[in-house]
Amino acid sequence: VTESGRIELLPFLREQTVTITAHRYGIPDREIAALRLD
């Protein structure tokens, strides 16, 4: 056990990558750009 948060938080977390196309034919989609993904 260490005092490092970077090490000790990881067992309690699952990583996730979210890729979203945020445009339609080059026109930005404001609603998708505003989505909260924290």
PDB file of all heavy atoms in Angstrom:
ATOM      1  N   VAL A   1       0.846  -1.197   0.000  1.00  0.00           N
ATOM      2  CA  VAL A   1       0.000   0.000   0.000  1.00  0.00           C
ATOM      3  C   VAL A   1       0.876   1.240   0.000  1.00  0.00           C
ATOM      4  O   VAL A   1       1.804   1.359   0.789  1.00  0.00           O
ATOM      5  CB  VAL A   1      -0.928   0.004   1.228  1.00  0.00           C
ATOM      6  CG1 VAL A   1      -1.729   1.303   1.295  1.00  0.00           C
ATOM      7  CG2 VAL A   1      -1.866  -1.199   1.179  1.00  0.00           C
ATOM      8  N   THR A   2       0.602   2.161  -0.907  1.00  0.00           N
ATOM      9  CA  THR A   2       1.375   3.391  -1.023  1.00  0.00           C
ATOM     10  C   THR A   2       0.494   4.591  -0.711  1.00  0.00           C
ATOM     11  O   THR A   2      -0.734   4.482  -0.604  1.00  0.00           O
ATOM     12  CB  THR A   2       1.945   3.554  -2.447  1.00  0.00           C
ATOM     13  OG1 THR A   2       0.873   3.886  -3.344  1.00  0.00           O
ATOM     14  CG2 THR A   2       2.623   2.270  -2.919  1.00  0.00           C
ATOM     15  N   GLU A   3       1.121   5.748  -0.596  1.00  0.00           N
ATOM     16  CA  GLU A   3       0.378   6.992  -0.400  1.00  0.00           C
ATOM     17  C   GLU A   3       0.000   7.646  -1.722  1.00  0.00           C
ATOM     18  O   GLU A   3      -0.629   8.701  -1.736  1.00  0.00           O
ATOM     19  CB  GLU A   3       1.209   7.961   0.445  1.00  0.00           C
ATOM     20  CG  GLU A   3       1.466   7.479   1.854  1.00  0.00           C
ATOM     21  CD  GLU A   3       2.305   8.452   2.658  1.00  0.00           C
ATOM     22  OE1 GLU A   3       2.380   9.636   2.267  1.00  0.00           O
ATOM     23  OE2 GLU A   3       2.896   8.035   3.667  1.00  0.00           O
ATOM     24  N   SER A   4       0.367   7.023  -2.832  1.00  0.00           N
ATOM     25  CA  SER A   4       0.123   7.609  -4.146  1.00  0.00           C
ATOM     26  C   SER A   4      -1.320   7.391  -4.592  1.00  0.00           C
ATOM     27  O   SER A   4      -1.772   6.251  -4.753  1.00  0.00           O
ATOM     28  CB  SER A   4       1.068   6.987  -5.177  1.00  0.00           C
ATOM     29  OG  SER A   4       0.670   7.323  -6.493  1.00  0.00           O
ATOM     30  N   GLY A   5      -2.032   8.477  -4.824  1.00  0.00           N
ATOM     31  CA  GLY A   5      -3.381   8.357  -5.341  1.00  0.00           C
ATOM     32  C   GLY A   5      -3.409   7.769  -6.726  1.00  0.00           C
ATOM     33  O   GLY A   5      -4.333   7.034  -7.086  1.00  0.00           O
ATOM     34  N   ARG A   6      -2.403   8.075  -7.526  1.00  0.00           N
ATOM     35  CA  ARG A   6      -2.358   7.558  -8.893  1.00  0.00           C
ATOM     36  C   ARG A   6      -2.330   6.038  -8.916  1.00  0.00           C
ATOM     37  O   ARG A   6      -2.880   5.401  -9.814  1.00  0.00           O
ATOM     38  CB  ARG A   6      -1.130   8.109  -9.603  1.00  0.00           C
ATOM     39  CG  ARG A   6      -1.027   7.746 -11.061  1.00  0.00           C
ATOM     40  CD  ARG A   6      -2.107   8.436 -11.875  1.00  0.00           C
ATOM     41  NE  ARG A   6      -2.249   7.876 -13.195  1.00  0.00           N
ATOM     42  CZ  ARG A   6      -3.145   8.274 -14.080  1.00  0.00           C
ATOM     43  NH1 ARG A   6      -3.982   9.238 -13.755  1.00  0.00           N
ATOM     44  NH2 ARG A   6      -3.249   7.717 -15.253  1.00  0.00           N
ATOM     45  N   ILE A   7      -1.694   5.423  -7.926  1.00  0.00           N
ATOM     46  CA  ILE A   7      -1.584   3.968  -7.863  1.00  0.00           C
ATOM     47  C   ILE A   7      -2.781   3.358  -7.156  1.00  0.00           C
ATOM     48  O   ILE A   7      -3.382   2.387  -7.630  1.00  0.00           O
ATOM     49  CB  ILE A   7      -0.278   3.562  -7.153  1.00  0.00           C
ATOM     50  CG1 ILE A   7       0.928   4.017  -7.989  1.00  0.00           C
ATOM     51  CG2 ILE A   7      -0.232   2.061  -6.906  1.00  0.00           C
ATOM     52  CD1 ILE A   7       2.245   3.867  -7.271  1.00  0.00           C
ATOM     53  N   GLU A   8      -3.179   3.904  -6.028  1.00  0.00           N
ATOM     54  CA  GLU A   8      -4.176   3.251  -5.188  1.00  0.00           C
ATOM     55  C   GLU A   8      -5.619   3.467  -5.641  1.00  0.00           C
ATOM     56  O   GLU A   8      -6.504   2.710  -5.250  1.00  0.00           O
ATOM     57  CB  GLU A   8      -4.021   3.716  -3.734  1.00  0.00           C
ATOM     58  CG  GLU A   8      -2.689   3.355  -3.106  1.00  0.00           C
ATOM     59  CD  GLU A   8      -2.413   1.855  -3.083  1.00  0.00           C
ATOM     60  OE1 GLU A   8      -3.393   1.072  -3.160  1.00  0.00           O
ATOM     61  OE2 GLU A   8      -1.239   1.467  -3.007  1.00  0.00           O
ATOM     62  N   LEU A   9      -5.873   4.484  -6.478  1.00  0.00           N
ATOM     63  CA  LEU A   9      -7.238   4.655  -6.984  1.00  0.00           C
ATOM     64  C   LEU A   9      -7.573   3.654  -8.089  1.00  0.00           C
ATOM     65  O   LEU A   9      -8.736   3.297  -8.275  1.00  0.00           O
ATOM     66  CB  LEU A   9      -7.433   6.079  -7.519  1.00  0.00           C
ATOM     67  CG  LEU A   9      -7.392   7.231  -6.514  1.00  0.00           C
ATOM     68  CD1 LEU A   9      -7.637   8.554  -7.229  1.00  0.00           C
ATOM     69  CD2 LEU A   9      -8.419   7.047  -5.400  1.00  0.00           C
ATOM     70  N   LEU A  10      -6.567   3.190  -8.820  1.00  0.00           N
ATOM     71  CA  LEU A  10      -6.824   2.380 -10.015  1.00  0.00           C
ATOM     72  C   LEU A  10      -7.569   1.077  -9.747  1.00  0.00           C
ATOM     73  O   LEU A  10      -8.413   0.683 -10.560  1.00  0.00           O
ATOM     74  CB  LEU A  10      -5.516   2.103 -10.754  1.00  0.00           C
ATOM     75  CG  LEU A  10      -4.865   3.318 -11.434  1.00  0.00           C
ATOM     76  CD1 LEU A  10      -3.608   2.899 -12.178  1.00  0.00           C
ATOM     77  CD2 LEU A  10      -5.847   3.991 -12.389  1.00  0.00           C
ATOM     78  N   PRO A  11      -7.285   0.338  -8.649  1.00  0.00           N
ATOM     79  CA  PRO A  11      -8.073  -0.883  -8.441  1.00  0.00           C
ATOM     80  C   PRO A  11      -9.575  -0.640  -8.315  1.00  0.00           C
ATOM     81  O   PRO A  11     -10.361  -1.554  -8.547  1.00  0.00           O
ATOM     82  CB  PRO A  11      -7.500  -1.440  -7.122  1.00  0.00           C
ATOM     83  CG  PRO A  11      -6.122  -0.893  -7.037  1.00  0.00           C
ATOM     84  CD  PRO A  11      -6.218   0.474  -7.647  1.00  0.00           C
ATOM     85  N   PHE A  12      -9.973   0.568  -7.979  1.00  0.00           N
ATOM     86  CA  PHE A  12     -11.384   0.879  -7.777  1.00  0.00           C
ATOM     87  C   PHE A  12     -12.026   1.510  -9.012  1.00  0.00           C
ATOM     88  O   PHE A  12     -13.179   1.951  -8.952  1.00  0.00           O
ATOM     89  CB  PHE A  12     -11.532   1.830  -6.581  1.00  0.00           C
ATOM     90  CG  PHE A  12     -11.042   1.240  -5.293  1.00  0.00           C
ATOM     91  CD1 PHE A  12      -9.754   1.494  -4.844  1.00  0.00           C
ATOM     92  CD2 PHE A  12     -11.854   0.414  -4.537  1.00  0.00           C
ATOM     93  CE1 PHE A  12      -9.293   0.949  -3.658  1.00  0.00           C
ATOM     94  CE2 PHE A  12     -11.403  -0.140  -3.351  1.00  0.00           C
ATOM     95  CZ  PHE A  12     -10.117   0.119  -2.917  1.00  0.00           C
ATOM     96  N   LEU A  13     -11.292   1.539 -10.124  1.00  0.00           N
ATOM     97  CA  LEU A  13     -11.781   2.216 -11.324  1.00  0.00           C
ATOM     98  C   LEU A  13     -11.659   1.319 -12.551  1.00  0.00           C
ATOM     99  O   LEU A  13     -10.737   0.508 -12.648  1.00  0.00           O
ATOM    100  CB  LEU A  13     -10.992   3.508 -11.569  1.00  0.00           C
ATOM    101  CG  LEU A  13     -11.120   4.596 -10.510  1.00  0.00           C
ATOM    102  CD1 LEU A  13     -10.063   5.672 -10.739  1.00  0.00           C
ATOM    103  CD2 LEU A  13     -12.517   5.208 -10.531  1.00  0.00           C
ATOM    104  N   ARG A  14     -12.590   1.498 -13.481  1.00  0.00           N
ATOM    105  CA  ARG A  14     -12.498   0.851 -14.782  1.00  0.00           C
ATOM    106  C   ARG A  14     -12.304   1.931 -15.842  1.00  0.00           C
ATOM    107  O   ARG A  14     -13.048   2.912 -15.886  1.00  0.00           O
ATOM    108  CB  ARG A  14     -13.759   0.044 -15.077  1.00  0.00           C
ATOM    109  CG  ARG A  14     -13.984  -1.106 -14.114  1.00  0.00           C
ATOM    110  CD  ARG A  14     -15.130  -2.001 -14.548  1.00  0.00           C
ATOM    111  NE  ARG A  14     -16.416  -1.347 -14.443  1.00  0.00           N
ATOM    112  CZ  ARG A  14     -17.584  -1.950 -14.689  1.00  0.00           C
ATOM    113  NH1 ARG A  14     -17.587  -3.215 -15.062  1.00  0.00           N
ATOM    114  NH2 ARG A  14     -18.721  -1.309 -14.555  1.00  0.00           N
ATOM    115  N   GLU A  15     -11.313   1.743 -16.681  1.00  0.00           N
ATOM    116  CA  GLU A  15     -11.064   2.711 -17.755  1.00  0.00           C
ATOM    117  C   GLU A  15     -12.123   2.585 -18.843  1.00  0.00           C
ATOM    118  O   GLU A  15     -12.646   1.508 -19.117  1.00  0.00           O
ATOM    119  CB  GLU A  15      -9.691   2.460 -18.385  1.00  0.00           C
ATOM    120  CG  GLU A  15      -8.515   2.816 -17.528  1.00  0.00           C
ATOM    121  CD  GLU A  15      -7.214   2.599 -18.275  1.00  0.00           C
ATOM    122  OE1 GLU A  15      -6.857   3.440 -19.112  1.00  0.00           O
ATOM    123  OE2 GLU A  15      -6.566   1.561 -18.020  1.00  0.00           O
ATOM    124  N   GLN A  16     -12.400   3.691 -19.483  1.00  0.00           N
ATOM    125  CA  GLN A  16     -13.325   3.689 -20.610  1.00  0.00           C
ATOM    126  C   GLN A  16     -12.937   4.789 -21.596  1.00  0.00           C
ATOM    127  O   GLN A  16     -12.651   5.921 -21.197  1.00  0.00           O
ATOM    128  CB  GLN A  16     -14.755   3.905 -20.126  1.00  0.00           C
ATOM    129  CG  GLN A  16     -15.821   3.621 -21.164  1.00  0.00           C
ATOM    130  CD  GLN A  16     -17.214   3.691 -20.574  1.00  0.00           C
ATOM    131  OE1 GLN A  16     -17.683   4.771 -20.192  1.00  0.00           O
ATOM    132  NE2 GLN A  16     -17.897   2.559 -20.487  1.00  0.00           N
ATOM    133  N   THR A  17     -12.906   4.436 -22.865  1.00  0.00           N
ATOM    134  CA  THR A  17     -12.646   5.399 -23.936  1.00  0.00           C
ATOM    135  C   THR A  17     -13.933   5.612 -24.725  1.00  0.00           C
ATOM    136  O   THR A  17     -14.583   4.644 -25.122  1.00  0.00           O
ATOM    137  CB  THR A  17     -11.548   4.885 -24.880  1.00  0.00           C
ATOM    138  OG1 THR A  17     -10.337   4.691 -24.138  1.00  0.00           O
ATOM    139  CG2 THR A  17     -11.286   5.891 -25.992  1.00  0.00           C
ATOM    140  N   VAL A  18     -14.316   6.863 -24.930  1.00  0.00           N
ATOM    141  CA  VAL A  18     -15.536   7.194 -25.668  1.00  0.00           C
ATOM    142  C   VAL A  18     -15.148   8.021 -26.890  1.00  0.00           C
ATOM    143  O   VAL A  18     -14.603   9.125 -26.750  1.00  0.00           O
ATOM    144  CB  VAL A  18     -16.531   7.991 -24.796  1.00  0.00           C
ATOM    145  CG1 VAL A  18     -17.835   8.214 -25.548  1.00  0.00           C
ATOM    146  CG2 VAL A  18     -16.787   7.274 -23.478  1.00  0.00           C
ATOM    147  N   THR A  19     -15.416   7.478 -28.074  1.00  0.00           N
ATOM    148  CA  THR A  19     -15.161   8.191 -29.334  1.00  0.00           C
ATOM    149  C   THR A  19     -16.496   8.547 -29.970  1.00  0.00           C
ATOM    150  O   THR A  19     -17.336   7.666 -30.197  1.00  0.00           O
ATOM    151  CB  THR A  19     -14.334   7.325 -30.295  1.00  0.00           C
ATOM    152  OG1 THR A  19     -13.033   7.117 -29.748  1.00  0.00           O
ATOM    153  CG2 THR A  19     -14.206   8.002 -31.651  1.00  0.00           C
ATOM    154  N   ILE A  20     -16.719   9.829 -30.238  1.00  0.00           N
ATOM    155  CA  ILE A  20     -17.982  10.290 -30.822  1.00  0.00           C
ATOM    156  C   ILE A  20     -17.686  11.215 -31.995  1.00  0.00           C
ATOM    157  O   ILE A  20     -16.952  12.200 -31.855  1.00  0.00           O
ATOM    158  CB  ILE A  20     -18.840  11.056 -29.792  1.00  0.00           C
ATOM    159  CG1 ILE A  20     -19.106  10.209 -28.548  1.00  0.00           C
ATOM    160  CG2 ILE A  20     -20.156  11.494 -30.417  1.00  0.00           C
ATOM    161  CD1 ILE A  20     -19.930  10.925 -27.495  1.00  0.00           C
ATOM    162  N   THR A  21     -18.254  10.910 -33.143  1.00  0.00           N
ATOM    163  CA  THR A  21     -18.204  11.845 -34.266  1.00  0.00           C
ATOM    164  C   THR A  21     -19.107  13.028 -33.930  1.00  0.00           C
ATOM    165  O   THR A  21     -20.312  12.861 -33.727  1.00  0.00           O
ATOM    166  CB  THR A  21     -18.672  11.169 -35.560  1.00  0.00           C
ATOM    167  OG1 THR A  21     -17.784  10.080 -35.864  1.00  0.00           O
ATOM    168  CG2 THR A  21     -18.679  12.156 -36.717  1.00  0.00           C
ATOM    169  N   ALA A  22     -18.529  14.225 -33.869  1.00  0.00           N
ATOM    170  CA  ALA A  22     -19.263  15.404 -33.396  1.00  0.00           C
ATOM    171  C   ALA A  22     -19.581  16.359 -34.539  1.00  0.00           C
ATOM    172  O   ALA A  22     -19.611  17.573 -34.362  1.00  0.00           O
ATOM    173  CB  ALA A  22     -18.462  16.126 -32.319  1.00  0.00           C
ATOM    174  N   HIS A  23     -19.831  15.805 -35.716  1.00  0.00           N
ATOM    175  CA  HIS A  23     -20.197  16.657 -36.862  1.00  0.00           C
ATOM    176  C   HIS A  23     -21.048  15.843 -37.822  1.00  0.00           C
ATOM    177  O   HIS A  23     -21.100  14.603 -37.744  1.00  0.00           O
ATOM    178  CB  HIS A  23     -18.935  17.153 -37.585  1.00  0.00           C
ATOM    179  CG  HIS A  23     -18.220  16.057 -38.337  1.00  0.00           C
ATOM    180  ND1 HIS A  23     -18.472  15.757 -39.655  1.00  0.00           N
ATOM    181  CD2 HIS A  23     -17.282  15.169 -37.927  1.00  0.00           C
ATOM    182  CE1 HIS A  23     -17.705  14.750 -40.041  1.00  0.00           C
ATOM    183  NE2 HIS A  23     -16.975  14.369 -39.004  1.00  0.00           N
ATOM    184  N   ARG A  24     -21.713  16.544 -38.714  1.00  0.00           N
ATOM    185  CA  ARG A  24     -22.396  15.900 -39.837  1.00  0.00           C
ATOM    186  C   ARG A  24     -21.906  16.545 -41.107  1.00  0.00           C
ATOM    187  O   ARG A  24     -22.137  17.727 -41.370  1.00  0.00           O
ATOM    188  CB  ARG A  24     -23.916  16.050 -39.732  1.00  0.00           C
ATOM    189  CG  ARG A  24     -24.545  15.189 -38.647  1.00  0.00           C
ATOM    190  CD  ARG A  24     -26.025  14.984 -38.922  1.00  0.00           C
ATOM    191  NE  ARG A  24     -26.219  14.066 -40.043  1.00  0.00           N
ATOM    192  CZ  ARG A  24     -27.359  13.951 -40.715  1.00  0.00           C
ATOM    193  NH1 ARG A  24     -28.392  14.715 -40.413  1.00  0.00           N
ATOM    194  NH2 ARG A  24     -27.470  13.084 -41.713  1.00  0.00           N
ATOM    195  N   TYR A  25     -21.141  15.776 -41.884  1.00  0.00           N
ATOM    196  CA  TYR A  25     -20.588  16.244 -43.145  1.00  0.00           C
ATOM    197  C   TYR A  25     -19.802  17.535 -42.968  1.00  0.00           C
ATOM    198  O   TYR A  25     -19.903  18.477 -43.765  1.00  0.00           O
ATOM    199  CB  TYR A  25     -21.699  16.415 -44.189  1.00  0.00           C
ATOM    200  CG  TYR A  25     -22.528  15.162 -44.360  1.00  0.00           C
ATOM    201  CD1 TYR A  25     -23.811  15.085 -43.840  1.00  0.00           C
ATOM    202  CD2 TYR A  25     -22.001  14.039 -44.998  1.00  0.00           C
ATOM    203  CE1 TYR A  25     -24.567  13.933 -43.958  1.00  0.00           C
ATOM    204  CE2 TYR A  25     -22.750  12.874 -45.124  1.00  0.00           C
ATOM    205  CZ  TYR A  25     -24.033  12.821 -44.610  1.00  0.00           C
ATOM    206  OH  TYR A  25     -24.755  11.671 -44.730  1.00  0.00           O
ATOM    207  N   GLY A  26     -19.038  17.592 -41.883  1.00  0.00           N
ATOM    208  CA  GLY A  26     -18.160  18.728 -41.628  1.00  0.00           C
ATOM    209  C   GLY A  26     -18.781  19.856 -40.838  1.00  0.00           C
ATOM    210  O   GLY A  26     -18.080  20.784 -40.432  1.00  0.00           O
ATOM    211  N   ILE A  27     -20.082  19.779 -40.587  1.00  0.00           N
ATOM    212  CA  ILE A  27     -20.764  20.825 -39.816  1.00  0.00           C
ATOM    213  C   ILE A  27     -20.810  20.389 -38.350  1.00  0.00           C
ATOM    214  O   ILE A  27     -21.387  19.339 -38.037  1.00  0.00           O
ATOM    215  CB  ILE A  27     -22.187  21.069 -40.338  1.00  0.00           C
ATOM    216  CG1 ILE A  27     -22.140  21.482 -41.809  1.00  0.00           C
ATOM    217  CG2 ILE A  27     -22.890  22.126 -39.494  1.00  0.00           C
ATOM    218  CD1 ILE A  27     -23.501  21.597 -42.460  1.00  0.00           C
ATOM    219  N   PRO A  28     -20.209  21.148 -37.418  1.00  0.00           N
ATOM    220  CA  PRO A  28     -20.184  20.722 -36.013  1.00  0.00           C
ATOM    221  C   PRO A  28     -21.586  20.544 -35.439  1.00  0.00           C
ATOM    222  O   PRO A  28     -22.502  21.304 -35.746  1.00  0.00           O
ATOM    223  CB  PRO A  28     -19.442  21.869 -35.310  1.00  0.00           C
ATOM    224  CG  PRO A  28     -18.636  22.520 -36.384  1.00  0.00           C
ATOM    225  CD  PRO A  28     -19.455  22.405 -37.638  1.00  0.00           C
ATOM    226  N   ASP A  29     -21.744  19.506 -34.624  1.00  0.00           N
ATOM    227  CA  ASP A  29     -23.003  19.250 -33.933  1.00  0.00           C
ATOM    228  C   ASP A  29     -22.868  19.787 -32.513  1.00  0.00           C
ATOM    229  O   ASP A  29     -22.157  19.221 -31.684  1.00  0.00           O
ATOM    230  CB  ASP A  29     -23.287  17.733 -33.907  1.00  0.00           C
ATOM    231  CG  ASP A  29     -24.671  17.408 -33.380  1.00  0.00           C
ATOM    232  OD1 ASP A  29     -25.065  18.001 -32.354  1.00  0.00           O
ATOM    233  OD2 ASP A  29     -25.355  16.558 -33.977  1.00  0.00           O
ATOM    234  N   ARG A  30     -23.539  20.888 -32.220  1.00  0.00           N
ATOM    235  CA  ARG A  30     -23.374  21.557 -30.936  1.00  0.00           C
ATOM    236  C   ARG A  30     -23.897  20.722 -29.775  1.00  0.00           C
ATOM    237  O   ARG A  30     -23.337  20.741 -28.680  1.00  0.00           O
ATOM    238  CB  ARG A  30     -24.076  22.907 -30.971  1.00  0.00           C
ATOM    239  CG  ARG A  30     -23.437  23.901 -31.949  1.00  0.00           C
ATOM    240  CD  ARG A  30     -24.137  25.248 -31.901  1.00  0.00           C
ATOM    241  NE  ARG A  30     -23.521  26.195 -32.810  1.00  0.00           N
ATOM    242  CZ  ARG A  30     -23.948  27.448 -32.989  1.00  0.00           C
ATOM    243  NH1 ARG A  30     -24.992  27.888 -32.288  1.00  0.00           N
ATOM    244  NH2 ARG A  30     -23.336  28.250 -33.839  1.00  0.00           N
ATOM    245  N   GLU A  31     -24.997  19.984 -29.989  1.00  0.00           N
ATOM    246  CA  GLU A  31     -25.545  19.172 -28.900  1.00  0.00           C
ATOM    247  C   GLU A  31     -24.581  18.057 -28.501  1.00  0.00           C
ATOM    248  O   GLU A  31     -24.368  17.788 -27.321  1.00  0.00           O
ATOM    249  CB  GLU A  31     -26.898  18.579 -29.315  1.00  0.00           C
ATOM    250  CG  GLU A  31     -28.024  19.597 -29.376  1.00  0.00           C
ATOM    251  CD  GLU A  31     -29.374  18.928 -29.576  1.00  0.00           C
ATOM    252  OE1 GLU A  31     -29.397  17.707 -29.863  1.00  0.00           O
ATOM    253  OE2 GLU A  31     -30.394  19.613 -29.436  1.00  0.00           O
ATOM    254  N   ILE A  32     -23.984  17.410 -29.471  1.00  0.00           N
ATOM    255  CA  ILE A  32     -23.035  16.346 -29.163  1.00  0.00           C
ATOM    256  C   ILE A  32     -21.774  16.926 -28.566  1.00  0.00           C
ATOM    257  O   ILE A  32     -21.187  16.359 -27.639  1.00  0.00           O
ATOM    258  CB  ILE A  32     -22.724  15.516 -30.433  1.00  0.00           C
ATOM    259  CG1 ILE A  32     -23.966  14.730 -30.846  1.00  0.00           C
ATOM    260  CG2 ILE A  32     -21.548  14.579 -30.203  1.00  0.00           C
ATOM    261  CD1 ILE A  32     -23.804  13.922 -32.102  1.00  0.00           C
ATOM    262  N   ALA A  33     -21.352  18.076 -29.049  1.00  0.00           N
ATOM    263  CA  ALA A  33     -20.165  18.715 -28.483  1.00  0.00           C
ATOM    264  C   ALA A  33     -20.374  19.106 -27.034  1.00  0.00           C
ATOM    265  O   ALA A  33     -19.411  19.167 -26.258  1.00  0.00           O
ATOM    266  CB  ALA A  33     -19.789  19.950 -29.320  1.00  0.00           C
ATOM    267  N   ALA A  34     -21.631  19.360 -26.640  1.00  0.00           N
ATOM    268  CA  ALA A  34     -21.918  19.814 -25.277  1.00  0.00           C
ATOM    269  C   ALA A  34     -22.180  18.658 -24.313  1.00  0.00           C
ATOM    270  O   ALA A  34     -22.336  18.904 -23.104  1.00  0.00           O
ATOM    271  CB  ALA A  34     -23.138  20.744 -25.294  1.00  0.00           C
ATOM    272  N   LEU A  35     -22.210  17.424 -24.798  1.00  0.00           N
ATOM    273  CA  LEU A  35     -22.478  16.288 -23.916  1.00  0.00           C
ATOM    274  C   LEU A  35     -21.405  16.181 -22.836  1.00  0.00           C
ATOM    275  O   LEU A  35     -20.212  16.261 -23.109  1.00  0.00           O
ATOM    276  CB  LEU A  35     -22.504  14.984 -24.718  1.00  0.00           C
ATOM    277  CG  LEU A  35     -23.755  14.688 -25.534  1.00  0.00           C
ATOM    278  CD1 LEU A  35     -23.529  13.407 -26.341  1.00  0.00           C
ATOM    279  CD2 LEU A  35     -24.973  14.539 -24.645  1.00  0.00           C
ATOM    280  N   ARG A  36     -21.827  15.949 -21.597  1.00  0.00           N
ATOM    281  CA  ARG A  36     -20.875  15.738 -20.486  1.00  0.00           C
ATOM    282  C   ARG A  36     -20.490  14.275 -20.451  1.00  0.00           C
ATOM    283  O   ARG A  36     -21.349  13.384 -20.374  1.00  0.00           O
ATOM    284  CB  ARG A  36     -21.505  16.166 -19.166  1.00  0.00           C
ATOM    285  CG  ARG A  36     -21.723  17.670 -19.066  1.00  0.00           C
ATOM    286  CD  ARG A  36     -21.807  18.100 -17.618  1.00  0.00           C
ATOM    287  NE  ARG A  36     -20.628  17.688 -16.854  1.00  0.00           N
ATOM    288  CZ  ARG A  36     -20.449  17.967 -15.572  1.00  0.00           C
ATOM    289  NH1 ARG A  36     -21.379  18.648 -14.919  1.00  0.00           N
ATOM    290  NH2 ARG A  36     -19.378  17.560 -14.948  1.00  0.00           N
ATOM    291  N   LEU A  37     -19.198  14.023 -20.463  1.00  0.00           N
ATOM    292  CA  LEU A  37     -18.687  12.649 -20.510  1.00  0.00           C
ATOM    293  C   LEU A  37     -17.698  12.392 -19.379  1.00  0.00           C
ATOM    294  O   LEU A  37     -16.772  11.577 -19.516  1.00  0.00           O
ATOM    295  CB  LEU A  37     -18.037  12.378 -21.868  1.00  0.00           C
ATOM    296  CG  LEU A  37     -18.970  12.442 -23.073  1.00  0.00           C
ATOM    297  CD1 LEU A  37     -18.184  12.326 -24.371  1.00  0.00           C
ATOM    298  CD2 LEU A  37     -20.036  11.345 -23.008  1.00  0.00           C
ATOM    299  N   ASP A  38     -17.844  13.066 -18.230  1.00  0.00           N
ATOM    300  CA  ASP A  38     -16.962  12.834 -17.089  1.00  0.00           C
ATOM    301  C   ASP A  38     -17.238  11.465 -16.477  1.00  0.00           C
ATOM    302  O   ASP A  38     -18.344  10.950 -16.571  1.00  0.00           O
ATOM    303  CB  ASP A  38     -17.167  13.931 -16.039  1.00  0.00           C
ATOM    304  CG  ASP A  38     -16.588  15.266 -16.527  1.00  0.00           C
ATOM    305  OD1 ASP A  38     -15.742  15.231 -17.420  1.00  0.00           O
ATOM    306  OD2 ASP A  38     -17.032  16.311 -16.029  1.00  0.00           O
TER     307      ASP A  38
END
